[in-house]
Amino acid sequence: MAETYPTPRFGAPRQPKTPVNPGSRLVLMLDFVTASHARAVGFLVLCALLLFLPGFFTIPPVDRDEARFAQATKQMVESRDYVDIRFQEDVRYKKPVGIYWLQSAAVEVATVLKLPKAELRIWVYRLPSLIGAIGAVLMTYWTALGFVTRRGAVLAALLMAASVLLGVEARLAKTDAVLLFAVVAAMGAMSRAYLSWQRAEEEAHPPWSWPAIFWTALAVGILIKGPLILMFAGLTIIALAIQDRDASWLWRLRPVWGLMWVLVLVLPWFVAIFWRAGDAFFADSVGGDMLSKIGAQESHGAPPGVYLALFWITFWPGAPLAAMAAPAVWRARREPGAQFLLAWLIPSWIVFEAVLTKLPHYVLPLYPAIAILTAGAVERNVLSRSWLARGSAWWFVVPAGGSIIAVVGAVMLTRQPAFVAWPFIAASLIFGLFAWWLFDTNRAERSLLNALVAALMLAVAVYGIVLPSLTPLFPSIEVARALRNVTCVGPKAASAGYAEPSLVFLTGTQTLLTDGSGAADFLRQGSCRFALVEQRSERSFVQRAEAIGLRYKVGARIDGYNFSQGRAISISIFRSEGPD
């Protein structure tokens, strides 16, 4: 196939000359949407929604982090205290207030729009993550325009939209999708300042737009997840300064005014929380959360190399192309664009691999750099023809493996084979197979588009159909449903042996988390009270009930699986005998 594009340098974008259509309808569609920025943006938003919405409304609250964030936000709305952050009576100072404000705004808007029980609908709390994920896709497109053509920028954004890791974070009411949005915005603005300096573009009055975006994004990132965003920007600046032996381009970002703007945005809440809690927030967030990750926090320790191994899953379907692009990217490492993207990627990746505490989402803010580098290699037609090309089989392996795991999991947990998901599983396998069979270096674009369709079908099957049907994984839903069906008014509950945050979120902030003896004492204190006692705590509950002469009735028994602890559970609902 004739080359569609002139060979561009990273950081020297230009639009393609008369594209040569390889004959694929998917490529024809790409020709159409890349004719203008408006079409490209509309297409990316549509693709992001198609990829992120399956399961968004139907997957129950996920323990533990999502439910903790949602419950803390729920208490913020209930108390009208938008400074302090609490989970029941305990302070929750691991992260700043930004995500709680965004989630509170979503709940308040939903309430104003008369959405019934908006405060109990987990998808309302997920809206900031969804918007952040879509924003990150669009920011990847905008950032990529500084390095590749519009067509390449669309491909880079699609790689981010379809990546498994961003798909997960878009469906969780947590910080990471919004942080990604802020990081990509900041790095996109920084890249424009750097590349304009590299091209010796002397301007009498440099634009204010780049500094405004950069410093505002830094402030948002600090309010969302503390100083982590400063690490990404700072390590990039240090790496570029070492390579170029010059950092004068930073003046194009107007650092004096920018730092003052950041302080204006972030200081009010930090002053307010210091006034409220003293140095407790800084001790918990910096000392208790961030610095403790240098060790193996919460049993999440892992050796170096784990992120590289997980990359093949978390960046699928882009991972095979990224591997094939790696040799060409390394050869181009001295070009300004590749140099910037590698400075964004490599130093922070090394830090994350060196730190003992490892969770998959930590490296998510580095994936846009990989996506842009990969799209640039595809655009230049310089993908490796070596043994790395065999990695294209991964486009079929992941849908096959994911489908098997989903169906087997459904059968084991629900005794149902999830027949509704099978057509989407079949479509995912077919498109993954096409992506593999059609691949060669001249048709990488067509294969990638087929792999993206495979990712969409797999998302519908796994997130949209299978996961919501796995009710044993979400016992808090069944417990909350049982309490809603009682005859008394204003039921109160105590839980012994099952203390997941999703239970508090669904059954009420006043839910008491205790042991078996405490549950018996709680039941004795009045009517319309219920004890949720996990099987392992029943003995102490019964012994204490006999000791205090408590008469109680046995209600429903709920069997499930606590995946946070990795064990099966059985929860009995007890109610004291007496008038309502």
Protein backbone atom coordinates (compact mmCIF):
# COMPACT_ATOMS: atom_id res chain seq x y z
CA MET A 1 0.00 0.00 0.00
CA ALA A 2 1.28 3.46 -0.87
CA GLU A 3 2.13 5.64 2.07
CA THR A 4 -0.76 7.85 3.04
CA TYR A 5 1.35 10.46 4.84
CA PRO A 6 4.64 12.18 4.41
CA THR A 7 7.07 11.09 7.10
CA PRO A 8 6.52 13.60 9.92
CA ARG A 9 8.83 14.26 12.81
CA PHE A 10 7.47 14.01 16.31
CA GLY A 11 6.58 17.54 17.28
CA ALA A 12 6.19 18.78 13.69
CA PRO A 13 2.50 18.16 12.96
CA ARG A 14 1.02 18.55 9.53
CA GLN A 15 -2.14 17.41 7.83
CA PRO A 16 -2.04 14.44 5.43
CA LYS A 17 -1.90 14.80 1.69
CA THR A 18 -4.78 13.12 -0.17
CA PRO A 19 -5.27 10.03 1.97
CA VAL A 20 -5.14 6.65 0.27
CA ASN A 21 -8.08 4.55 1.42
CA PRO A 22 -7.15 0.92 2.17
CA GLY A 23 -10.75 -0.13 1.43
CA SER A 24 -12.03 -0.70 4.94
CA ARG A 25 -15.33 0.84 5.98
CA LEU A 26 -13.80 1.62 9.35
CA VAL A 27 -11.00 3.52 7.65
CA LEU A 28 -13.56 5.32 5.46
CA MET A 29 -15.27 6.41 8.65
CA LEU A 30 -11.95 7.66 9.99
CA ASP A 31 -11.43 9.62 6.76
CA PHE A 32 -14.78 11.32 7.33
CA VAL A 33 -14.38 12.21 11.02
CA THR A 34 -10.85 13.59 10.63
CA ALA A 35 -11.95 16.12 8.01
CA SER A 36 -12.43 18.74 10.77
CA HIS A 37 -11.81 19.26 14.46
CA ALA A 38 -15.53 19.46 15.17
CA ARG A 39 -16.16 16.06 13.61
CA ALA A 40 -13.17 14.57 15.38
CA VAL A 41 -14.27 15.85 18.79
CA GLY A 42 -17.88 14.71 18.27
CA PHE A 43 -16.69 11.28 17.15
CA LEU A 44 -14.38 10.90 20.17
CA VAL A 45 -17.13 11.88 22.60
CA LEU A 46 -19.48 9.35 20.98
CA CYS A 47 -16.87 6.58 21.11
CA ALA A 48 -16.03 7.37 24.73
CA LEU A 49 -19.69 7.19 25.74
CA LEU A 50 -20.15 3.88 23.90
CA LEU A 51 -17.10 2.45 25.66
CA PHE A 52 -17.75 3.86 29.15
CA LEU A 53 -21.53 3.63 29.58
CA PRO A 54 -22.03 -0.18 29.57
CA GLY A 55 -22.45 -1.05 33.24
CA PHE A 56 -22.09 2.55 34.38
CA PHE A 57 -25.63 2.69 35.75
CA THR A 58 -26.05 -0.97 36.71
CA ILE A 59 -22.85 -2.11 38.45
CA PRO A 60 -23.51 -1.82 42.23
CA PRO A 61 -21.20 0.11 44.57
CA VAL A 62 -17.76 -1.49 44.48
CA ASP A 63 -15.82 -2.05 47.69
CA ARG A 64 -13.76 -0.65 49.03
CA ASP A 65 -12.44 2.62 47.61
CA GLU A 66 -15.45 3.61 45.51
CA ALA A 67 -17.90 3.03 48.36
CA ARG A 68 -15.68 4.94 50.78
CA PHE A 69 -15.52 7.97 48.48
CA ALA A 70 -19.27 7.86 47.84
CA GLN A 71 -20.16 7.52 51.52
CA ALA A 72 -17.85 10.39 52.53
CA THR A 73 -19.51 12.55 49.87
CA LYS A 74 -22.95 11.46 51.03
CA GLN A 75 -22.12 12.57 54.57
CA MET A 76 -20.82 15.88 53.21
CA VAL A 77 -24.17 16.48 51.52
CA GLU A 78 -26.13 15.35 54.60
CA SER A 79 -24.19 17.56 56.99
CA ARG A 80 -23.76 20.51 54.59
CA ASP A 81 -20.15 20.61 55.77
CA TYR A 82 -18.05 20.98 52.62
CA VAL A 83 -14.73 21.40 54.42
CA ASP A 84 -14.34 18.32 56.60
CA ILE A 85 -14.16 14.79 55.13
CA ARG A 86 -15.51 11.90 57.18
CA PHE A 87 -16.56 8.28 56.92
CA GLN A 88 -19.09 7.93 59.71
CA GLU A 89 -17.26 9.35 62.74
CA ASP A 90 -13.76 8.74 61.38
CA VAL A 91 -11.90 11.45 59.48
CA ARG A 92 -10.91 10.59 55.93
CA TYR A 93 -7.89 12.73 55.18
CA LYS A 94 -6.03 10.57 52.67
CA LYS A 95 -7.04 12.75 49.70
CA PRO A 96 -7.93 16.44 49.38
CA VAL A 97 -11.47 17.66 48.93
CA GLY A 98 -11.67 18.09 45.16
CA ILE A 99 -13.37 14.82 44.24
CA TYR A 100 -15.84 15.16 47.11
CA TRP A 101 -16.86 18.60 45.87
CA LEU A 102 -17.41 17.26 42.36
CA GLN A 103 -19.44 14.31 43.58
CA SER A 104 -21.44 16.56 45.94
CA ALA A 105 -22.25 18.84 43.02
CA ALA A 106 -23.47 15.83 41.03
CA VAL A 107 -25.74 14.74 43.91
CA GLU A 108 -27.08 18.26 44.43
CA VAL A 109 -27.86 18.68 40.71
CA ALA A 110 -29.57 15.29 40.59
CA THR A 111 -31.63 16.26 43.62
CA VAL A 112 -32.65 19.56 42.04
CA LEU A 113 -33.69 17.62 38.94
CA LYS A 114 -36.00 15.55 41.18
CA LEU A 115 -34.15 12.27 40.71
CA PRO A 116 -35.66 9.93 43.34
CA LYS A 117 -33.20 8.92 46.07
CA ALA A 118 -30.33 10.56 44.21
CA GLU A 119 -28.07 10.21 47.26
CA LEU A 120 -28.35 6.39 47.08
CA ARG A 121 -27.67 6.01 43.36
CA ILE A 122 -24.00 5.18 42.93
CA TRP A 123 -23.97 6.23 39.28
CA VAL A 124 -24.60 9.83 40.35
CA TYR A 125 -21.32 9.76 42.27
CA ARG A 126 -19.62 8.28 39.20
CA LEU A 127 -20.53 11.21 36.95
CA PRO A 128 -17.34 13.20 37.70
CA SER A 129 -15.29 10.12 36.76
CA LEU A 130 -17.22 9.71 33.52
CA ILE A 131 -16.80 13.37 32.63
CA GLY A 132 -13.13 13.22 33.64
CA ALA A 133 -12.53 10.16 31.46
CA ILE A 134 -14.19 11.78 28.45
CA GLY A 135 -12.22 14.96 29.14
CA ALA A 136 -8.99 12.92 29.30
CA VAL A 137 -9.76 11.42 25.88
CA LEU A 138 -10.35 14.88 24.41
CA MET A 139 -7.23 16.26 26.12
CA THR A 140 -5.22 13.39 24.65
CA TYR A 141 -6.49 14.44 21.23
CA TRP A 142 -5.59 18.08 21.90
CA THR A 143 -2.15 17.20 23.25
CA ALA A 144 -1.43 14.84 20.36
CA LEU A 145 -2.12 17.61 17.83
CA GLY A 146 1.21 19.10 18.86
CA PHE A 147 3.03 15.94 17.79
CA VAL A 148 1.11 14.21 14.99
CA THR A 149 -1.56 14.96 12.40
CA ARG A 150 -5.24 15.22 13.20
CA ARG A 151 -5.69 11.62 12.08
CA GLY A 152 -2.90 10.47 14.37
CA ALA A 153 -4.36 12.51 17.23
CA VAL A 154 -7.73 10.77 16.80
CA LEU A 155 -5.99 7.37 16.88
CA ALA A 156 -4.12 8.33 20.07
CA ALA A 157 -7.36 9.45 21.73
CA LEU A 158 -9.10 6.24 20.66
CA LEU A 159 -6.29 4.19 22.19
CA MET A 160 -6.93 5.95 25.50
CA ALA A 161 -10.72 5.63 25.26
CA ALA A 162 -10.52 1.89 24.60
CA SER A 163 -7.83 1.10 27.19
CA VAL A 164 -9.01 -1.33 29.85
CA LEU A 165 -7.64 0.75 32.73
CA LEU A 166 -9.43 3.97 31.76
CA GLY A 167 -12.61 1.97 31.13
CA VAL A 168 -12.47 0.71 34.71
CA GLU A 169 -11.74 4.13 36.22
CA ALA A 170 -14.53 5.80 34.21
CA ARG A 171 -17.00 3.50 36.01
CA LEU A 172 -15.73 4.09 39.55
CA ALA A 173 -16.49 7.04 41.82
CA LYS A 174 -12.83 7.71 42.60
CA THR A 175 -10.13 10.27 41.89
CA ASP A 176 -8.14 8.72 39.07
CA ALA A 177 -10.16 9.59 35.95
CA VAL A 178 -10.39 13.25 37.02
CA LEU A 179 -6.69 13.31 37.91
CA LEU A 180 -5.89 11.93 34.45
CA PHE A 181 -7.88 14.76 32.88
CA ALA A 182 -5.88 17.33 34.85
CA VAL A 183 -2.52 15.69 34.10
CA VAL A 184 -3.12 15.47 30.33
CA ALA A 185 -4.32 19.08 30.22
CA ALA A 186 -1.20 20.24 32.07
CA MET A 187 1.18 18.16 29.95
CA GLY A 188 -0.52 19.27 26.74
CA ALA A 189 -0.02 22.93 27.64
CA MET A 190 3.56 22.26 28.73
CA SER A 191 4.33 20.43 25.49
CA ARG A 192 3.19 23.40 23.42
CA ALA A 193 5.48 25.74 25.31
CA TYR A 194 8.40 23.33 24.96
CA LEU A 195 7.90 22.58 21.26
CA SER A 196 7.47 26.24 20.37
CA TRP A 197 10.81 26.89 22.11
CA GLN A 198 12.45 23.99 20.27
CA ARG A 199 11.23 25.39 16.95
CA ALA A 200 12.64 28.80 17.91
CA GLU A 201 9.24 30.42 17.55
CA GLU A 202 9.97 33.84 18.96
CA GLU A 203 6.83 35.70 19.91
CA ALA A 204 6.68 39.22 21.23
CA HIS A 205 3.60 38.35 23.26
CA PRO A 206 3.42 34.60 24.04
CA PRO A 207 -0.16 33.34 24.41
CA TRP A 208 -1.73 33.29 27.86
CA SER A 209 -3.80 30.21 27.01
CA TRP A 210 -0.99 27.70 27.62
CA PRO A 211 -0.06 29.06 31.08
CA ALA A 212 -3.74 29.38 32.02
CA ILE A 213 -4.42 25.74 31.16
CA PHE A 214 -1.19 24.49 32.73
CA TRP A 215 -1.49 26.21 36.11
CA THR A 216 -5.24 25.68 36.43
CA ALA A 217 -4.77 21.97 35.68
CA LEU A 218 -2.04 21.79 38.34
CA ALA A 219 -4.37 23.37 40.89
CA VAL A 220 -7.19 20.96 40.00
CA GLY A 221 -4.81 18.01 40.26
CA ILE A 222 -3.60 19.16 43.70
CA LEU A 223 -7.18 19.47 44.96
CA ILE A 224 -8.02 16.04 43.55
CA LYS A 225 -5.04 13.97 44.68
CA GLY A 226 -2.51 16.18 46.37
CA PRO A 227 1.00 16.81 45.01
CA LEU A 228 1.09 13.75 42.72
CA ILE A 229 0.49 15.87 39.62
CA LEU A 230 3.56 17.92 40.56
CA MET A 231 5.65 14.76 40.28
CA PHE A 232 4.58 14.15 36.68
CA ALA A 233 5.25 17.73 35.64
CA GLY A 234 8.39 18.12 37.76
CA LEU A 235 10.12 14.95 36.60
CA THR A 236 9.34 15.85 32.98
CA ILE A 237 10.88 19.32 33.42
CA ILE A 238 13.98 17.89 35.15
CA ALA A 239 14.50 15.25 32.45
CA LEU A 240 14.18 17.82 29.64
CA ALA A 241 16.47 20.28 31.43
CA ILE A 242 19.16 17.59 31.79
CA GLN A 243 18.92 16.60 28.12
CA ASP A 244 18.78 20.13 26.72
CA ARG A 245 20.95 21.73 29.40
CA ASP A 246 18.48 24.57 29.24
CA ALA A 247 15.10 25.20 30.84
CA SER A 248 14.47 28.75 29.64
CA TRP A 249 11.32 27.58 27.84
CA LEU A 250 9.60 27.47 31.21
CA TRP A 251 9.29 31.25 31.11
CA ARG A 252 6.74 30.78 28.34
CA LEU A 253 4.47 29.32 31.03
CA ARG A 254 4.71 32.55 33.08
CA PRO A 255 5.66 30.76 36.34
CA VAL A 256 5.42 33.78 38.65
CA TRP A 257 1.81 34.57 37.75
CA GLY A 258 1.04 30.86 37.50
CA LEU A 259 2.23 30.02 41.00
CA MET A 260 0.16 32.86 42.41
CA TRP A 261 -2.90 31.55 40.53
CA VAL A 262 -2.37 28.04 41.92
CA LEU A 263 -2.17 29.42 45.45
CA VAL A 264 -5.36 31.40 44.93
CA LEU A 265 -7.17 28.22 43.88
CA VAL A 266 -5.84 25.73 46.42
CA LEU A 267 -5.01 27.69 49.55
CA PRO A 268 -8.56 28.50 50.76
CA TRP A 269 -9.51 24.89 51.43
CA PHE A 270 -6.11 23.95 52.86
CA VAL A 271 -6.36 26.90 55.25
CA ALA A 272 -9.93 25.91 56.15
CA ILE A 273 -9.04 22.28 56.87
CA PHE A 274 -6.00 23.36 58.90
CA TRP A 275 -8.24 25.70 60.89
CA ARG A 276 -10.68 22.81 61.45
CA ALA A 277 -8.33 19.89 62.09
CA GLY A 278 -4.89 21.33 62.69
CA ASP A 279 -2.12 19.33 61.07
CA ALA A 280 -4.15 16.09 61.11
CA PHE A 281 -4.94 16.33 57.40
CA PHE A 282 -1.32 16.83 56.38
CA ALA A 283 -0.15 14.06 58.70
CA ASP A 284 -2.68 11.60 57.28
CA SER A 285 -2.46 12.55 53.60
CA VAL A 286 1.28 13.11 53.26
CA GLY A 287 2.67 10.92 56.03
CA GLY A 288 -0.05 8.31 56.38
CA ASP A 289 -0.98 7.88 52.73
CA MET A 290 1.60 9.16 50.27
CA LEU A 291 4.88 8.45 52.06
CA SER A 292 3.66 5.09 53.36
CA LYS A 293 3.33 3.91 49.75
CA ILE A 294 7.10 3.72 49.60
CA GLY A 295 6.56 0.58 51.67
CA ALA A 296 3.98 -2.13 50.99
CA GLN A 297 0.81 -0.30 52.05
CA GLU A 298 -2.34 -2.37 52.71
CA SER A 299 -0.73 -5.58 51.37
CA HIS A 300 -0.33 -4.05 47.90
CA GLY A 301 3.42 -4.56 47.74
CA ALA A 302 4.93 -5.96 44.53
CA PRO A 303 8.38 -6.15 42.93
CA PRO A 304 9.62 -3.93 40.07
CA GLY A 305 8.32 -4.94 36.65
CA VAL A 306 4.71 -5.48 37.72
CA TYR A 307 3.44 -2.42 35.84
CA LEU A 308 5.21 -3.56 32.69
CA ALA A 309 3.53 -6.97 32.99
CA LEU A 310 0.11 -5.45 33.71
CA PHE A 311 0.51 -3.05 30.78
CA TRP A 312 -0.44 -5.84 28.34
CA ILE A 313 -3.89 -5.99 29.93
CA THR A 314 -4.45 -2.47 31.18
CA PHE A 315 -3.52 -0.76 27.89
CA TRP A 316 -5.22 -3.32 25.67
CA PRO A 317 -5.99 -3.00 22.74
CA GLY A 318 -3.16 -0.50 22.29
CA ALA A 319 -0.48 -2.61 23.99
CA PRO A 320 0.55 -4.73 20.95
CA LEU A 321 1.04 -1.66 18.78
CA ALA A 322 2.91 0.12 21.57
CA ALA A 323 5.37 -2.79 21.72
CA MET A 324 5.84 -2.71 17.95
CA ALA A 325 6.33 1.06 18.07
CA ALA A 326 8.97 0.92 20.82
CA PRO A 327 12.07 0.40 18.61
CA ALA A 328 11.14 3.31 16.32
CA VAL A 329 10.34 5.53 19.28
CA TRP A 330 13.73 4.80 20.78
CA ARG A 331 15.47 5.66 17.50
CA ALA A 332 13.57 8.96 17.45
CA ARG A 333 14.31 9.78 21.09
CA ARG A 334 16.38 12.87 20.18
CA GLU A 335 13.58 14.45 18.18
CA PRO A 336 11.88 17.20 20.22
CA GLY A 337 8.44 15.58 20.30
CA ALA A 338 9.62 12.10 21.21
CA GLN A 339 12.01 13.60 23.74
CA PHE A 340 9.17 15.37 25.52
CA LEU A 341 6.89 12.33 25.54
CA LEU A 342 9.64 10.05 26.82
CA ALA A 343 10.48 12.59 29.54
CA TRP A 344 6.81 12.46 30.54
CA LEU A 345 6.81 8.66 30.54
CA ILE A 346 10.11 7.17 31.65
CA PRO A 347 11.11 8.98 34.89
CA SER A 348 7.67 8.63 36.50
CA TRP A 349 7.40 5.01 35.37
CA ILE A 350 10.73 4.25 37.05
CA VAL A 351 9.51 5.87 40.27
CA PHE A 352 6.32 3.79 40.27
CA GLU A 353 8.24 0.57 39.60
CA ALA A 354 10.67 1.39 42.43
CA VAL A 355 7.95 2.15 44.99
CA LEU A 356 6.84 -1.03 46.76
CA THR A 357 3.12 -0.22 46.90
CA LYS A 358 1.64 -0.95 43.49
CA LEU A 359 -1.89 -0.57 42.21
CA PRO A 360 -2.69 -0.71 38.47
CA HIS A 361 -4.20 2.78 38.25
CA TYR A 362 -1.08 4.58 39.51
CA VAL A 363 0.50 4.64 36.03
CA LEU A 364 -2.68 5.73 34.20
CA PRO A 365 -1.46 9.37 33.77
CA LEU A 366 1.49 8.03 31.75
CA TYR A 367 -0.64 6.19 29.20
CA PRO A 368 -1.45 9.27 27.04
CA ALA A 369 2.26 9.66 26.29
CA ILE A 370 2.38 6.02 25.18
CA ALA A 371 -0.76 6.49 23.07
CA ILE A 372 0.70 9.51 21.27
CA LEU A 373 4.05 7.80 20.67
CA THR A 374 2.23 4.75 19.30
CA ALA A 375 -0.01 6.82 17.03
CA GLY A 376 3.07 8.63 15.74
CA ALA A 377 4.76 5.34 14.84
CA VAL A 378 1.60 4.11 13.09
CA GLU A 379 1.37 7.37 11.17
CA ARG A 380 5.02 7.18 10.09
CA ASN A 381 4.64 3.54 9.11
CA VAL A 382 7.68 2.54 11.19
CA LEU A 383 6.25 -0.29 13.30
CA SER A 384 8.66 -3.11 13.98
CA ARG A 385 8.57 -6.01 11.51
CA SER A 386 10.49 -8.27 13.90
CA TRP A 387 9.14 -10.92 16.26
CA LEU A 388 7.24 -8.13 18.01
CA ALA A 389 4.69 -8.29 15.20
CA ARG A 390 3.55 -11.61 16.63
CA GLY A 391 2.05 -9.60 19.45
CA SER A 392 -0.88 -8.80 17.15
CA ALA A 393 -2.31 -12.15 18.27
CA TRP A 394 -2.98 -10.43 21.60
CA TRP A 395 -5.94 -8.68 19.94
CA PHE A 396 -7.66 -12.07 19.83
CA VAL A 397 -6.21 -13.58 23.01
CA VAL A 398 -7.63 -10.94 25.37
CA PRO A 399 -11.25 -11.18 24.12
CA ALA A 400 -10.99 -14.97 24.21
CA GLY A 401 -9.57 -15.05 27.73
CA GLY A 402 -11.87 -12.32 29.01
CA SER A 403 -14.92 -14.06 27.58
CA ILE A 404 -14.01 -17.39 29.16
CA ILE A 405 -13.42 -15.77 32.56
CA ALA A 406 -16.71 -13.85 32.35
CA VAL A 407 -18.81 -16.89 31.40
CA VAL A 408 -17.12 -19.24 33.88
CA GLY A 409 -17.47 -16.64 36.64
CA ALA A 410 -21.18 -16.22 35.85
CA VAL A 411 -21.75 -19.98 35.96
CA MET A 412 -19.86 -20.41 39.23
CA LEU A 413 -21.55 -17.51 41.03
CA THR A 414 -25.07 -17.52 39.60
CA ARG A 415 -25.45 -20.95 37.94
CA GLN A 416 -26.37 -19.05 34.77
CA PRO A 417 -24.15 -18.95 31.64
CA ALA A 418 -25.02 -15.32 30.77
CA PHE A 419 -26.53 -16.17 27.38
CA VAL A 420 -27.44 -12.52 26.73
CA ALA A 421 -23.74 -11.65 26.60
CA TRP A 422 -22.84 -14.33 24.06
CA PRO A 423 -23.62 -12.34 20.87
CA PHE A 424 -21.37 -9.52 22.08
CA ILE A 425 -18.69 -12.02 23.08
CA ALA A 426 -18.88 -13.55 19.61
CA ALA A 427 -18.60 -10.13 17.97
CA SER A 428 -15.61 -9.29 20.14
CA LEU A 429 -13.88 -12.53 19.15
CA ILE A 430 -14.60 -11.95 15.46
CA PHE A 431 -13.28 -8.41 15.40
CA GLY A 432 -10.27 -9.42 17.49
CA LEU A 433 -9.58 -12.21 15.01
CA PHE A 434 -9.86 -9.78 12.10
CA ALA A 435 -7.47 -7.38 13.82
CA TRP A 436 -4.93 -10.19 14.16
CA TRP A 437 -5.32 -11.74 10.70
CA LEU A 438 -5.35 -8.46 8.80
CA PHE A 439 -2.32 -7.03 10.53
CA ASP A 440 0.83 -6.02 8.77
CA THR A 441 2.80 -2.81 9.10
CA ASN A 442 1.01 -1.25 6.13
CA ARG A 443 -2.45 -1.99 7.50
CA ALA A 444 -1.88 -1.32 11.18
CA GLU A 445 -4.54 1.37 11.19
CA ARG A 446 -7.23 -0.99 9.90
CA SER A 447 -6.26 -3.67 12.41
CA LEU A 448 -6.33 -1.16 15.24
CA LEU A 449 -9.84 -0.02 14.33
CA ASN A 450 -11.04 -3.64 14.33
CA ALA A 451 -9.43 -4.11 17.74
CA LEU A 452 -11.25 -1.03 19.00
CA VAL A 453 -14.59 -2.51 17.92
CA ALA A 454 -13.59 -5.74 19.71
CA ALA A 455 -12.93 -3.68 22.85
CA LEU A 456 -16.38 -2.08 22.58
CA MET A 457 -18.13 -5.45 22.25
CA LEU A 458 -16.15 -6.86 25.16
CA ALA A 459 -17.08 -3.84 27.31
CA VAL A 460 -20.79 -4.41 26.60
CA ALA A 461 -20.51 -8.10 27.46
CA VAL A 462 -18.41 -7.80 30.62
CA TYR A 463 -19.42 -4.46 32.14
CA GLY A 464 -22.91 -4.14 30.74
CA ILE A 465 -24.22 -7.69 31.14
CA VAL A 466 -22.07 -10.08 33.16
CA LEU A 467 -20.84 -7.93 36.08
CA PRO A 468 -24.25 -6.51 37.07
CA SER A 469 -25.66 -10.05 37.08
CA LEU A 470 -23.09 -11.33 39.60
CA THR A 471 -25.27 -10.51 42.62
CA PRO A 472 -23.31 -12.73 45.07
CA LEU A 473 -20.36 -10.32 44.65
CA PHE A 474 -22.50 -7.46 45.99
CA PRO A 475 -24.18 -8.72 49.20
CA SER A 476 -24.73 -5.15 50.45
CA ILE A 477 -27.38 -4.70 47.74
CA GLU A 478 -29.37 -7.67 49.02
CA VAL A 479 -29.04 -6.55 52.65
CA ALA A 480 -30.26 -3.04 51.80
CA ARG A 481 -33.16 -4.48 49.81
CA ALA A 482 -34.19 -6.66 52.76
CA LEU A 483 -34.17 -3.67 55.10
CA ARG A 484 -36.27 -1.63 52.69
CA ASN A 485 -38.95 -4.33 52.75
CA VAL A 486 -39.49 -4.29 56.54
CA THR A 487 -42.81 -3.09 57.96
CA CYS A 488 -41.54 -0.66 60.59
CA VAL A 489 -40.61 2.99 59.98
CA GLY A 490 -37.00 4.17 60.08
CA PRO A 491 -35.16 0.87 60.55
CA LYS A 492 -31.73 1.02 62.19
CA ALA A 493 -29.04 -1.58 61.64
CA ALA A 494 -25.86 -2.90 63.21
CA SER A 495 -23.49 -5.17 61.34
CA ALA A 496 -21.19 -7.75 62.91
CA GLY A 497 -18.49 -9.46 60.86
CA TYR A 498 -19.33 -7.60 57.65
CA ALA A 499 -18.05 -4.03 57.59
CA GLU A 500 -17.72 -3.13 53.92
CA PRO A 501 -18.22 0.59 53.09
CA SER A 502 -20.92 -0.28 50.53
CA LEU A 503 -23.13 -1.48 53.41
CA VAL A 504 -22.90 1.90 55.14
CA PHE A 505 -23.56 3.71 51.86
CA LEU A 506 -26.68 1.67 51.11
CA THR A 507 -28.15 1.23 54.60
CA GLY A 508 -27.39 4.64 56.08
CA THR A 509 -24.65 6.63 57.75
CA GLN A 510 -25.87 5.61 61.22
CA THR A 511 -25.31 1.90 60.55
CA LEU A 512 -23.25 0.56 63.44
CA LEU A 513 -20.20 -1.55 62.58
CA THR A 514 -19.53 -3.76 65.57
CA ASP A 515 -18.97 -7.35 66.69
CA GLY A 516 -21.44 -10.10 67.61
CA SER A 517 -21.81 -8.96 71.23
CA GLY A 518 -22.26 -5.36 70.17
CA ALA A 519 -24.96 -6.35 67.69
CA ALA A 520 -26.92 -8.10 70.47
CA ASP A 521 -26.65 -5.03 72.71
CA PHE A 522 -27.76 -2.82 69.83
CA LEU A 523 -30.80 -5.00 69.17
CA ARG A 524 -31.90 -4.73 72.78
CA GLN A 525 -32.05 -0.92 72.72
CA GLY A 526 -35.36 -0.54 70.91
CA SER A 527 -37.76 -1.61 68.22
CA CYS A 528 -37.26 -1.45 64.47
CA ARG A 529 -33.66 -2.49 64.92
CA PHE A 530 -31.88 -5.16 62.94
CA ALA A 531 -28.65 -7.04 63.49
CA LEU A 532 -26.76 -8.12 60.37
CA VAL A 533 -24.59 -10.92 61.66
CA GLU A 534 -22.08 -12.73 59.49
CA GLN A 535 -21.85 -16.45 60.16
CA ARG A 536 -18.45 -16.22 61.86
CA SER A 537 -19.88 -13.74 64.39
CA GLU A 538 -23.09 -15.63 65.15
CA ARG A 539 -21.70 -17.54 68.11
CA SER A 540 -20.72 -14.41 70.02
CA PHE A 541 -24.08 -12.82 69.08
CA VAL A 542 -26.06 -15.80 70.44
CA GLN A 543 -23.99 -16.01 73.62
CA ARG A 544 -24.47 -12.32 74.37
CA ALA A 545 -28.20 -12.51 73.54
CA GLU A 546 -28.64 -15.35 76.04
CA ALA A 547 -26.65 -13.47 78.67
CA ILE A 548 -28.82 -10.34 78.45
CA GLY A 549 -32.10 -12.21 77.90
CA LEU A 550 -32.63 -10.86 74.39
CA ARG A 551 -35.52 -12.35 72.45
CA TYR A 552 -35.06 -12.08 68.72
CA LYS A 553 -36.44 -13.35 65.43
CA VAL A 554 -34.44 -14.73 62.51
CA GLY A 555 -35.20 -13.05 59.21
CA ALA A 556 -33.53 -13.53 55.87
CA ARG A 557 -30.15 -15.15 55.31
CA ILE A 558 -28.03 -13.69 52.51
CA ASP A 559 -25.18 -15.70 51.00
CA GLY A 560 -22.51 -14.00 48.95
CA TYR A 561 -18.82 -13.54 48.32
CA ASN A 562 -16.72 -10.77 49.84
CA PHE A 563 -14.13 -10.20 47.12
CA SER A 564 -12.36 -7.56 49.25
CA GLN A 565 -11.46 -10.34 51.70
CA GLY A 566 -11.53 -13.19 49.19
CA ARG A 567 -13.98 -15.42 51.03
CA ALA A 568 -17.59 -16.58 50.99
CA ILE A 569 -19.91 -15.01 53.56
CA SER A 570 -23.37 -15.69 54.94
CA ILE A 571 -25.27 -12.86 56.67
CA SER A 572 -28.29 -13.47 58.89
CA ILE A 573 -30.70 -10.63 59.63
CA PHE A 574 -32.00 -10.72 63.22
CA ARG A 575 -34.74 -8.54 64.69
CA SER A 576 -35.69 -8.14 68.33
CA GLU A 577 -39.15 -9.35 69.33
CA GLY A 578 -41.46 -6.67 70.57
CA PRO A 579 -43.72 -3.87 69.36
CA ASP A 580 -42.69 -1.71 66.39
